[in-house]
Amino acid sequence: MPSRSLVYDLSPEIKAWLDEALVEGNFSGYRALEAALREKGCEISRSALHRYGQDFERRLGALKMASQQAQAIAEAVPDEENALSDALIRLFQEKAFDYLIKMEADPKISFAALGQAIAQISGTSTALKRYQTEVRAKTKSAVQEIETIARQGGLSGDAVASIRQHILGITQ
């Protein structure tokens, strides 16, 4: 098993700078990055930087692709029931478990931190579902009131149905 990259031992500030420099430099210019790090008091070889950069670029590309795919799915398939978020939570849990087993995760990430992230995602999902349920209930109540007022005002059944359809986005 290869030794752990010295990049992970960098201070959070220098590692954040390196990550930003890699992205801004389009994952090139490793000689310049090696020299800049040396000026900052960090001795990391160009080949180690390149290995880290390749892995970082691969992960960033996968994240971008996943984001684009998630956006396309969200646009193509409305998710009023929040099934996509539920699936993402399960996927996150699975990936977190895989990282812990394979020890591929950044050693600075603890099991407690992963658990906390999962709890936050679950809480967000629950709050979103609660909000969606409340909005649906309020909308249906408002539609019923509008229907009553419209009928009392003499609107036809077709006109009331049209109003209902526009408000709820459903056809009957």
N, C-alpha and C. Protein backbone atom coordinates (compact mmCIF):
# COMPACT_ATOMS: atom_id res chain seq x y z
N MET A 1 0.85 -1.17 0.00
CA MET A 1 0.00 0.00 0.00
C MET A 1 0.90 1.24 0.00
N PRO A 2 0.68 2.16 -0.93
CA PRO A 2 1.53 3.35 -0.99
C PRO A 2 1.33 4.22 0.24
N SER A 3 2.38 4.97 0.54
CA SER A 3 2.28 5.86 1.70
C SER A 3 1.32 7.00 1.41
N ARG A 4 0.80 7.57 2.49
CA ARG A 4 -0.16 8.64 2.37
C ARG A 4 0.53 9.88 1.84
N SER A 5 -0.16 10.63 0.97
CA SER A 5 0.39 11.82 0.36
C SER A 5 0.66 12.89 1.40
N LEU A 6 1.79 13.57 1.24
CA LEU A 6 2.12 14.67 2.14
C LEU A 6 1.16 15.84 2.00
N VAL A 7 0.43 15.88 0.90
CA VAL A 7 -0.54 16.96 0.69
C VAL A 7 -1.55 16.97 1.82
N TYR A 8 -1.93 15.79 2.33
CA TYR A 8 -2.92 15.71 3.40
C TYR A 8 -2.39 16.22 4.73
N ASP A 9 -1.06 16.38 4.83
CA ASP A 9 -0.47 16.91 6.06
C ASP A 9 -0.34 18.43 6.03
N LEU A 10 -0.66 19.04 4.89
CA LEU A 10 -0.59 20.50 4.80
C LEU A 10 -1.62 21.14 5.74
N SER A 11 -1.33 22.35 6.15
CA SER A 11 -2.30 23.07 6.98
C SER A 11 -3.56 23.30 6.14
N PRO A 12 -4.70 23.44 6.78
CA PRO A 12 -5.94 23.66 6.02
C PRO A 12 -5.86 24.87 5.09
N GLU A 13 -5.18 25.92 5.51
CA GLU A 13 -5.07 27.12 4.67
C GLU A 13 -4.26 26.84 3.41
N ILE A 14 -3.12 26.17 3.58
CA ILE A 14 -2.25 25.89 2.42
C ILE A 14 -2.91 24.86 1.51
N LYS A 15 -3.58 23.87 2.08
CA LYS A 15 -4.26 22.87 1.25
C LYS A 15 -5.39 23.53 0.46
N ALA A 16 -6.13 24.44 1.09
CA ALA A 16 -7.19 25.16 0.38
C ALA A 16 -6.59 25.99 -0.74
N TRP A 17 -5.44 26.62 -0.48
CA TRP A 17 -4.76 27.40 -1.52
C TRP A 17 -4.36 26.49 -2.67
N LEU A 18 -3.79 25.32 -2.34
CA LEU A 18 -3.35 24.37 -3.37
C LEU A 18 -4.54 23.91 -4.21
N ASP A 19 -5.62 23.54 -3.56
CA ASP A 19 -6.81 23.08 -4.30
C ASP A 19 -7.30 24.17 -5.24
N GLU A 20 -7.34 25.39 -4.77
CA GLU A 20 -7.79 26.51 -5.61
C GLU A 20 -6.83 26.74 -6.77
N ALA A 21 -5.53 26.66 -6.48
CA ALA A 21 -4.52 26.85 -7.53
C ALA A 21 -4.61 25.75 -8.59
N LEU A 22 -4.88 24.54 -8.16
CA LEU A 22 -5.03 23.44 -9.12
C LEU A 22 -6.22 23.68 -10.05
N VAL A 23 -7.34 24.09 -9.48
CA VAL A 23 -8.54 24.34 -10.29
C VAL A 23 -8.30 25.53 -11.22
N GLU A 24 -7.77 26.63 -10.68
CA GLU A 24 -7.53 27.82 -11.50
C GLU A 24 -6.52 27.55 -12.61
N GLY A 25 -5.54 26.69 -12.34
CA GLY A 25 -4.50 26.37 -13.32
C GLY A 25 -4.88 25.20 -14.22
N ASN A 26 -6.14 24.79 -14.15
CA ASN A 26 -6.62 23.69 -14.97
C ASN A 26 -5.78 22.43 -14.79
N PHE A 27 -5.38 22.17 -13.54
CA PHE A 27 -4.63 20.98 -13.16
C PHE A 27 -3.35 20.84 -13.99
N SER A 28 -2.62 21.94 -14.06
CA SER A 28 -1.33 21.94 -14.73
C SER A 28 -0.40 22.87 -13.95
N GLY A 29 0.82 23.01 -14.42
CA GLY A 29 1.78 23.90 -13.77
C GLY A 29 2.30 23.36 -12.46
N TYR A 30 2.60 22.06 -12.42
CA TYR A 30 3.03 21.44 -11.17
C TYR A 30 4.41 21.91 -10.71
N ARG A 31 5.28 22.30 -11.66
CA ARG A 31 6.59 22.84 -11.27
C ARG A 31 6.41 24.13 -10.48
N ALA A 32 5.53 25.00 -10.99
CA ALA A 32 5.27 26.27 -10.31
C ALA A 32 4.63 26.04 -8.95
N LEU A 33 3.74 25.08 -8.87
CA LEU A 33 3.10 24.77 -7.59
C LEU A 33 4.12 24.22 -6.59
N GLU A 34 5.03 23.38 -7.08
CA GLU A 34 6.08 22.83 -6.23
C GLU A 34 6.94 23.97 -5.67
N ALA A 35 7.30 24.91 -6.54
CA ALA A 35 8.13 26.06 -6.11
C ALA A 35 7.36 26.95 -5.13
N ALA A 36 6.08 27.20 -5.41
CA ALA A 36 5.28 28.05 -4.53
C ALA A 36 5.11 27.41 -3.16
N LEU A 37 4.93 26.12 -3.14
CA LEU A 37 4.81 25.43 -1.86
C LEU A 37 6.13 25.46 -1.10
N ARG A 38 7.25 25.34 -1.83
CA ARG A 38 8.56 25.40 -1.19
C ARG A 38 8.74 26.77 -0.53
N GLU A 39 8.28 27.84 -1.21
CA GLU A 39 8.35 29.19 -0.64
C GLU A 39 7.50 29.31 0.63
N LYS A 40 6.46 28.49 0.70
CA LYS A 40 5.59 28.50 1.88
C LYS A 40 6.11 27.56 2.97
N GLY A 41 7.27 26.94 2.70
CA GLY A 41 7.88 26.06 3.69
C GLY A 41 7.43 24.61 3.61
N CYS A 42 6.87 24.23 2.49
CA CYS A 42 6.37 22.86 2.32
C CYS A 42 7.16 22.16 1.23
N GLU A 43 7.73 21.02 1.56
CA GLU A 43 8.50 20.24 0.60
C GLU A 43 7.66 19.07 0.09
N ILE A 44 7.06 19.27 -1.06
CA ILE A 44 6.27 18.20 -1.69
C ILE A 44 6.73 18.10 -3.14
N SER A 45 7.05 16.89 -3.56
CA SER A 45 7.58 16.71 -4.91
C SER A 45 6.52 16.96 -5.97
N ARG A 46 7.02 17.29 -7.16
CA ARG A 46 6.13 17.54 -8.29
C ARG A 46 5.31 16.28 -8.60
N SER A 47 5.92 15.11 -8.51
CA SER A 47 5.19 13.88 -8.81
C SER A 47 4.09 13.62 -7.77
N ALA A 48 4.36 13.93 -6.51
CA ALA A 48 3.33 13.78 -5.47
C ALA A 48 2.19 14.76 -5.71
N LEU A 49 2.54 15.98 -6.10
CA LEU A 49 1.51 16.98 -6.42
C LEU A 49 0.69 16.52 -7.62
N HIS A 50 1.36 15.95 -8.61
CA HIS A 50 0.66 15.49 -9.80
C HIS A 50 -0.30 14.35 -9.47
N ARG A 51 0.15 13.40 -8.65
CA ARG A 51 -0.74 12.30 -8.25
C ARG A 51 -1.96 12.84 -7.50
N TYR A 52 -1.71 13.77 -6.57
CA TYR A 52 -2.82 14.37 -5.83
C TYR A 52 -3.74 15.13 -6.78
N GLY A 53 -3.14 15.90 -7.70
CA GLY A 53 -3.92 16.68 -8.65
C GLY A 53 -4.78 15.81 -9.54
N GLN A 54 -4.23 14.69 -10.00
CA GLN A 54 -5.01 13.78 -10.84
C GLN A 54 -6.21 13.23 -10.08
N ASP A 55 -5.99 12.82 -8.84
CA ASP A 55 -7.08 12.29 -8.03
C ASP A 55 -8.12 13.37 -7.75
N PHE A 56 -7.66 14.58 -7.43
CA PHE A 56 -8.55 15.69 -7.15
C PHE A 56 -9.36 16.05 -8.40
N GLU A 57 -8.71 16.08 -9.56
CA GLU A 57 -9.40 16.39 -10.81
C GLU A 57 -10.45 15.33 -11.13
N ARG A 58 -10.11 14.07 -10.90
CA ARG A 58 -11.07 12.99 -11.14
C ARG A 58 -12.28 13.13 -10.23
N ARG A 59 -12.04 13.42 -8.96
CA ARG A 59 -13.15 13.58 -8.01
C ARG A 59 -13.99 14.81 -8.34
N LEU A 60 -13.33 15.89 -8.70
CA LEU A 60 -14.05 17.11 -9.05
C LEU A 60 -14.89 16.89 -10.31
N GLY A 61 -14.33 16.19 -11.28
CA GLY A 61 -15.07 15.88 -12.51
C GLY A 61 -16.29 15.02 -12.21
N ALA A 62 -16.12 14.03 -11.33
CA ALA A 62 -17.24 13.17 -10.96
C ALA A 62 -18.32 13.98 -10.23
N LEU A 63 -17.89 14.89 -9.39
CA LEU A 63 -18.85 15.73 -8.66
C LEU A 63 -19.61 16.65 -9.61
N LYS A 64 -18.90 17.24 -10.57
CA LYS A 64 -19.56 18.10 -11.56
C LYS A 64 -20.56 17.31 -12.39
N MET A 65 -20.15 16.11 -12.81
CA MET A 65 -21.03 15.28 -13.61
C MET A 65 -22.26 14.89 -12.79
N ALA A 66 -22.05 14.50 -11.56
CA ALA A 66 -23.18 14.12 -10.70
C ALA A 66 -24.12 15.30 -10.50
N SER A 67 -23.57 16.50 -10.34
CA SER A 67 -24.40 17.69 -10.16
C SER A 67 -25.22 17.97 -11.41
N GLN A 68 -24.59 17.85 -12.58
CA GLN A 68 -25.30 18.08 -13.83
C GLN A 68 -26.39 17.03 -14.04
N GLN A 69 -26.07 15.78 -13.73
CA GLN A 69 -27.06 14.72 -13.88
C GLN A 69 -28.21 14.91 -12.90
N ALA A 70 -27.91 15.30 -11.68
CA ALA A 70 -28.96 15.54 -10.69
C ALA A 70 -29.87 16.68 -11.14
N GLN A 71 -29.28 17.71 -11.70
CA GLN A 71 -30.07 18.84 -12.20
C GLN A 71 -30.96 18.39 -13.36
N ALA A 72 -30.41 17.61 -14.27
CA ALA A 72 -31.19 17.11 -15.41
C ALA A 72 -32.34 16.22 -14.93
N ILE A 73 -32.06 15.38 -13.95
CA ILE A 73 -33.11 14.52 -13.41
C ILE A 73 -34.18 15.35 -12.73
N ALA A 74 -33.76 16.33 -11.95
CA ALA A 74 -34.73 17.18 -11.24
C ALA A 74 -35.62 17.93 -12.22
N GLU A 75 -35.06 18.36 -13.34
CA GLU A 75 -35.84 19.08 -14.34
C GLU A 75 -36.76 18.14 -15.11
N ALA A 76 -36.28 16.92 -15.37
CA ALA A 76 -37.06 15.98 -16.17
C ALA A 76 -38.14 15.26 -15.36
N VAL A 77 -37.84 15.04 -14.08
CA VAL A 77 -38.76 14.28 -13.24
C VAL A 77 -39.02 15.06 -11.95
N PRO A 78 -40.14 15.79 -11.90
CA PRO A 78 -40.45 16.52 -10.67
C PRO A 78 -40.49 15.55 -9.48
N ASP A 79 -40.00 16.01 -8.36
CA ASP A 79 -39.86 15.14 -7.18
C ASP A 79 -40.62 15.71 -6.00
N GLU A 80 -41.93 15.76 -6.13
CA GLU A 80 -42.74 16.33 -5.06
C GLU A 80 -42.67 15.48 -3.79
N GLU A 81 -42.39 14.22 -3.95
CA GLU A 81 -42.34 13.34 -2.78
C GLU A 81 -40.95 13.30 -2.16
N ASN A 82 -39.99 14.03 -2.74
CA ASN A 82 -38.63 14.12 -2.21
C ASN A 82 -37.90 12.78 -2.25
N ALA A 83 -38.27 11.92 -3.18
CA ALA A 83 -37.63 10.61 -3.31
C ALA A 83 -36.15 10.74 -3.68
N LEU A 84 -35.82 11.75 -4.48
CA LEU A 84 -34.43 11.95 -4.88
C LEU A 84 -33.55 12.25 -3.67
N SER A 85 -34.02 13.11 -2.79
CA SER A 85 -33.25 13.41 -1.57
C SER A 85 -33.09 12.17 -0.72
N ASP A 86 -34.15 11.38 -0.60
CA ASP A 86 -34.05 10.15 0.17
C ASP A 86 -33.00 9.23 -0.44
N ALA A 87 -32.99 9.12 -1.76
CA ALA A 87 -32.02 8.27 -2.44
C ALA A 87 -30.60 8.81 -2.24
N LEU A 88 -30.44 10.12 -2.28
CA LEU A 88 -29.12 10.72 -2.07
C LEU A 88 -28.62 10.47 -0.66
N ILE A 89 -29.52 10.53 0.30
CA ILE A 89 -29.11 10.25 1.68
C ILE A 89 -28.62 8.81 1.79
N ARG A 90 -29.37 7.88 1.19
CA ARG A 90 -28.94 6.48 1.23
C ARG A 90 -27.60 6.30 0.51
N LEU A 91 -27.43 6.98 -0.64
CA LEU A 91 -26.17 6.90 -1.38
C LEU A 91 -25.03 7.46 -0.55
N PHE A 92 -25.27 8.59 0.11
CA PHE A 92 -24.24 9.20 0.96
C PHE A 92 -23.86 8.24 2.09
N GLN A 93 -24.85 7.62 2.70
CA GLN A 93 -24.57 6.68 3.77
C GLN A 93 -23.73 5.51 3.27
N GLU A 94 -24.09 5.01 2.10
CA GLU A 94 -23.35 3.89 1.52
C GLU A 94 -21.91 4.29 1.22
N LYS A 95 -21.73 5.46 0.60
CA LYS A 95 -20.38 5.91 0.26
C LYS A 95 -19.55 6.16 1.52
N ALA A 96 -20.17 6.74 2.55
CA ALA A 96 -19.46 6.99 3.80
C ALA A 96 -19.00 5.67 4.40
N PHE A 97 -19.86 4.69 4.36
CA PHE A 97 -19.51 3.37 4.88
C PHE A 97 -18.36 2.77 4.07
N ASP A 98 -18.44 2.87 2.74
CA ASP A 98 -17.37 2.36 1.88
C ASP A 98 -16.04 3.04 2.20
N TYR A 99 -16.06 4.36 2.36
CA TYR A 99 -14.83 5.08 2.67
C TYR A 99 -14.23 4.60 3.98
N LEU A 100 -15.07 4.40 4.96
CA LEU A 100 -14.56 3.94 6.24
C LEU A 100 -13.95 2.55 6.14
N ILE A 101 -14.59 1.68 5.39
CA ILE A 101 -14.08 0.31 5.24
C ILE A 101 -12.78 0.31 4.46
N LYS A 102 -12.73 1.03 3.36
CA LYS A 102 -11.55 1.02 2.49
C LYS A 102 -10.47 1.98 2.97
N MET A 103 -10.81 2.81 3.94
CA MET A 103 -9.89 3.80 4.47
C MET A 103 -9.41 4.76 3.39
N GLU A 104 -10.30 5.07 2.42
CA GLU A 104 -9.97 6.00 1.35
C GLU A 104 -10.28 7.44 1.75
N ALA A 105 -11.03 7.60 2.80
CA ALA A 105 -11.43 8.95 3.19
C ALA A 105 -10.24 9.70 3.74
N ASP A 106 -10.32 10.98 3.67
CA ASP A 106 -9.31 11.83 4.27
C ASP A 106 -9.23 11.45 5.74
N PRO A 107 -8.04 11.13 6.23
CA PRO A 107 -7.94 10.68 7.62
C PRO A 107 -8.41 11.73 8.63
N LYS A 108 -8.55 12.97 8.20
CA LYS A 108 -9.01 14.01 9.12
C LYS A 108 -10.52 13.98 9.31
N ILE A 109 -11.22 13.18 8.49
CA ILE A 109 -12.67 13.06 8.61
C ILE A 109 -12.96 11.90 9.55
N SER A 110 -13.69 12.19 10.60
CA SER A 110 -13.98 11.16 11.58
C SER A 110 -15.34 10.54 11.33
N PHE A 111 -15.54 9.38 11.93
CA PHE A 111 -16.83 8.72 11.83
C PHE A 111 -17.91 9.62 12.41
N ALA A 112 -17.60 10.31 13.49
CA ALA A 112 -18.58 11.21 14.11
C ALA A 112 -18.96 12.34 13.15
N ALA A 113 -17.99 12.86 12.42
CA ALA A 113 -18.27 13.93 11.45
C ALA A 113 -19.17 13.41 10.33
N LEU A 114 -18.91 12.19 9.85
CA LEU A 114 -19.76 11.60 8.82
C LEU A 114 -21.17 11.39 9.36
N GLY A 115 -21.27 10.91 10.59
CA GLY A 115 -22.58 10.71 11.21
C GLY A 115 -23.34 12.02 11.36
N GLN A 116 -22.61 13.06 11.73
CA GLN A 116 -23.23 14.38 11.88
C GLN A 116 -23.73 14.89 10.53
N ALA A 117 -22.97 14.68 9.47
CA ALA A 117 -23.39 15.11 8.13
C ALA A 117 -24.65 14.37 7.71
N ILE A 118 -24.69 13.08 7.99
CA ILE A 118 -25.88 12.30 7.65
C ILE A 118 -27.08 12.79 8.45
N ALA A 119 -26.89 13.08 9.71
CA ALA A 119 -27.99 13.58 10.54
C ALA A 119 -28.50 14.92 10.01
N GLN A 120 -27.60 15.79 9.59
CA GLN A 120 -28.01 17.08 9.04
C GLN A 120 -28.79 16.90 7.75
N ILE A 121 -28.33 16.01 6.89
CA ILE A 121 -29.04 15.76 5.63
C ILE A 121 -30.42 15.18 5.92
N SER A 122 -30.49 14.25 6.86
CA SER A 122 -31.78 13.65 7.22
C SER A 122 -32.72 14.71 7.78
N GLY A 123 -32.20 15.58 8.64
CA GLY A 123 -33.02 16.65 9.20
C GLY A 123 -33.54 17.59 8.13
N THR A 124 -32.69 17.91 7.19
CA THR A 124 -33.10 18.78 6.08
C THR A 124 -34.19 18.13 5.26
N SER A 125 -34.03 16.85 4.99
CA SER A 125 -35.02 16.12 4.21
C SER A 125 -36.36 16.08 4.94
N THR A 126 -36.32 15.83 6.23
CA THR A 126 -37.55 15.79 7.02
C THR A 126 -38.22 17.15 7.04
N ALA A 127 -37.45 18.20 7.22
CA ALA A 127 -38.02 19.56 7.24
C ALA A 127 -38.63 19.90 5.88
N LEU A 128 -37.98 19.49 4.81
CA LEU A 128 -38.50 19.75 3.47
C LEU A 128 -39.83 19.02 3.26
N LYS A 129 -39.88 17.76 3.68
CA LYS A 129 -41.12 16.99 3.54
C LYS A 129 -42.25 17.63 4.35
N ARG A 130 -41.94 18.08 5.55
CA ARG A 130 -42.95 18.73 6.40
C ARG A 130 -43.45 20.01 5.72
N TYR A 131 -42.53 20.80 5.20
CA TYR A 131 -42.90 22.04 4.51
C TYR A 131 -43.77 21.75 3.29
N GLN A 132 -43.37 20.75 2.50
CA GLN A 132 -44.14 20.40 1.31
C GLN A 132 -45.55 19.96 1.68
N THR A 133 -45.68 19.18 2.74
CA THR A 133 -46.99 18.73 3.19
C THR A 133 -47.85 19.91 3.63
N GLU A 134 -47.24 20.85 4.36
CA GLU A 134 -47.98 22.04 4.81
C GLU A 134 -48.43 22.88 3.63
N VAL A 135 -47.55 23.08 2.66
CA VAL A 135 -47.90 23.88 1.48
C VAL A 135 -49.03 23.22 0.71
N ARG A 136 -48.94 21.90 0.52
CA ARG A 136 -50.02 21.20 -0.18
C ARG A 136 -51.35 21.35 0.55
N ALA A 137 -51.33 21.22 1.87
CA ALA A 137 -52.57 21.33 2.65
C ALA A 137 -53.14 22.75 2.56
N LYS A 138 -52.27 23.76 2.68
CA LYS A 138 -52.73 25.14 2.59
C LYS A 138 -53.27 25.45 1.19
N THR A 139 -52.62 24.92 0.18
CA THR A 139 -53.06 25.15 -1.20
C THR A 139 -54.43 24.51 -1.43
N LYS A 140 -54.61 23.29 -0.97
CA LYS A 140 -55.90 22.62 -1.14
C LYS A 140 -56.99 23.36 -0.38
N SER A 141 -56.68 23.84 0.81
CA SER A 141 -57.66 24.60 1.59
C SER A 141 -58.02 25.90 0.86
N ALA A 142 -57.02 26.58 0.32
CA ALA A 142 -57.28 27.83 -0.41
C ALA A 142 -58.12 27.56 -1.65
N VAL A 143 -57.85 26.46 -2.33
CA VAL A 143 -58.61 26.11 -3.53
C VAL A 143 -60.07 25.87 -3.16
N GLN A 144 -60.30 25.18 -2.05
CA GLN A 144 -61.69 24.94 -1.63
C GLN A 144 -62.41 26.25 -1.34
N GLU A 145 -61.72 27.17 -0.68
CA GLU A 145 -62.33 28.48 -0.40
C GLU A 145 -62.60 29.24 -1.69
N ILE A 146 -61.67 29.20 -2.61
CA ILE A 146 -61.84 29.89 -3.90
C ILE A 146 -63.00 29.28 -4.68
N GLU A 147 -63.09 27.95 -4.65
CA GLU A 147 -64.20 27.29 -5.34
C GLU A 147 -65.55 27.74 -4.78
N THR A 148 -65.63 27.81 -3.46
CA THR A 148 -66.88 28.25 -2.82
C THR A 148 -67.22 29.68 -3.22
N ILE A 149 -66.25 30.56 -3.15
CA ILE A 149 -66.47 31.96 -3.51
C ILE A 149 -66.84 32.08 -4.98
N ALA A 150 -66.15 31.32 -5.84
CA ALA A 150 -66.42 31.39 -7.27
C ALA A 150 -67.83 30.91 -7.59
N ARG A 151 -68.25 29.82 -6.95
CA ARG A 151 -69.60 29.31 -7.20
C ARG A 151 -70.66 30.30 -6.71
N GLN A 152 -70.38 30.89 -5.53
CA GLN A 152 -71.32 31.88 -4.99
C GLN A 152 -71.38 33.10 -5.89
N GLY A 153 -70.30 33.40 -6.56
CA GLY A 153 -70.25 34.54 -7.47
C GLY A 153 -70.85 34.24 -8.83
N GLY A 154 -71.27 33.01 -9.04
CA GLY A 154 -71.95 32.66 -10.28
C GLY A 154 -71.06 32.09 -11.37
N LEU A 155 -69.82 31.73 -11.07
CA LEU A 155 -68.96 31.13 -12.10
C LEU A 155 -69.46 29.73 -12.43
N SER A 156 -69.28 29.34 -13.66
CA SER A 156 -69.71 28.01 -14.10
C SER A 156 -68.79 26.94 -13.52
N GLY A 157 -69.25 25.72 -13.57
CA GLY A 157 -68.45 24.59 -13.10
C GLY A 157 -67.15 24.45 -13.86
N ASP A 158 -67.21 24.73 -15.17
CA ASP A 158 -66.00 24.67 -15.99
C ASP A 158 -64.98 25.72 -15.58
N ALA A 159 -65.46 26.92 -15.28
CA ALA A 159 -64.57 28.01 -14.85
C ALA A 159 -63.91 27.67 -13.51
N VAL A 160 -64.71 27.10 -12.60
CA VAL A 160 -64.17 26.70 -11.29
C VAL A 160 -63.13 25.60 -11.47
N ALA A 161 -63.43 24.63 -12.34
CA ALA A 161 -62.47 23.54 -12.61
C ALA A 161 -61.18 24.08 -13.21
N SER A 162 -61.30 25.07 -14.08
CA SER A 162 -60.13 25.69 -14.70
C SER A 162 -59.27 26.39 -13.64
N ILE A 163 -59.92 27.10 -12.74
CA ILE A 163 -59.19 27.77 -11.65
C ILE A 163 -58.47 26.74 -10.80
N ARG A 164 -59.18 25.67 -10.44
CA ARG A 164 -58.59 24.59 -9.62
C ARG A 164 -57.36 24.01 -10.33
N GLN A 165 -57.50 23.75 -11.62
CA GLN A 165 -56.40 23.18 -12.39
C GLN A 165 -55.19 24.10 -12.38
N HIS A 166 -55.40 25.39 -12.55
CA HIS A 166 -54.29 26.34 -12.59
C HIS A 166 -53.62 26.45 -11.24
N ILE A 167 -54.38 26.41 -10.19
CA ILE A 167 -53.78 26.56 -8.85
C ILE A 167 -53.05 25.29 -8.44
N LEU A 168 -53.68 24.17 -8.62
CA LEU A 168 -53.09 22.90 -8.15
C LEU A 168 -52.20 22.24 -9.19
N GLY A 169 -52.35 22.67 -10.46
CA GLY A 169 -51.55 22.05 -11.51
C GLY A 169 -51.99 20.63 -11.81
N ILE A 170 -53.28 20.36 -11.58
CA ILE A 170 -53.81 19.02 -11.84
C ILE A 170 -55.02 19.11 -12.73
N THR A 171 -55.35 18.02 -13.37
CA THR A 171 -56.58 17.96 -14.16
C THR A 171 -57.49 16.93 -13.53
N GLN A 172 -58.79 17.17 -13.68
CA GLN A 172 -59.73 16.22 -13.10
C GLN A 172 -60.64 15.68 -14.16
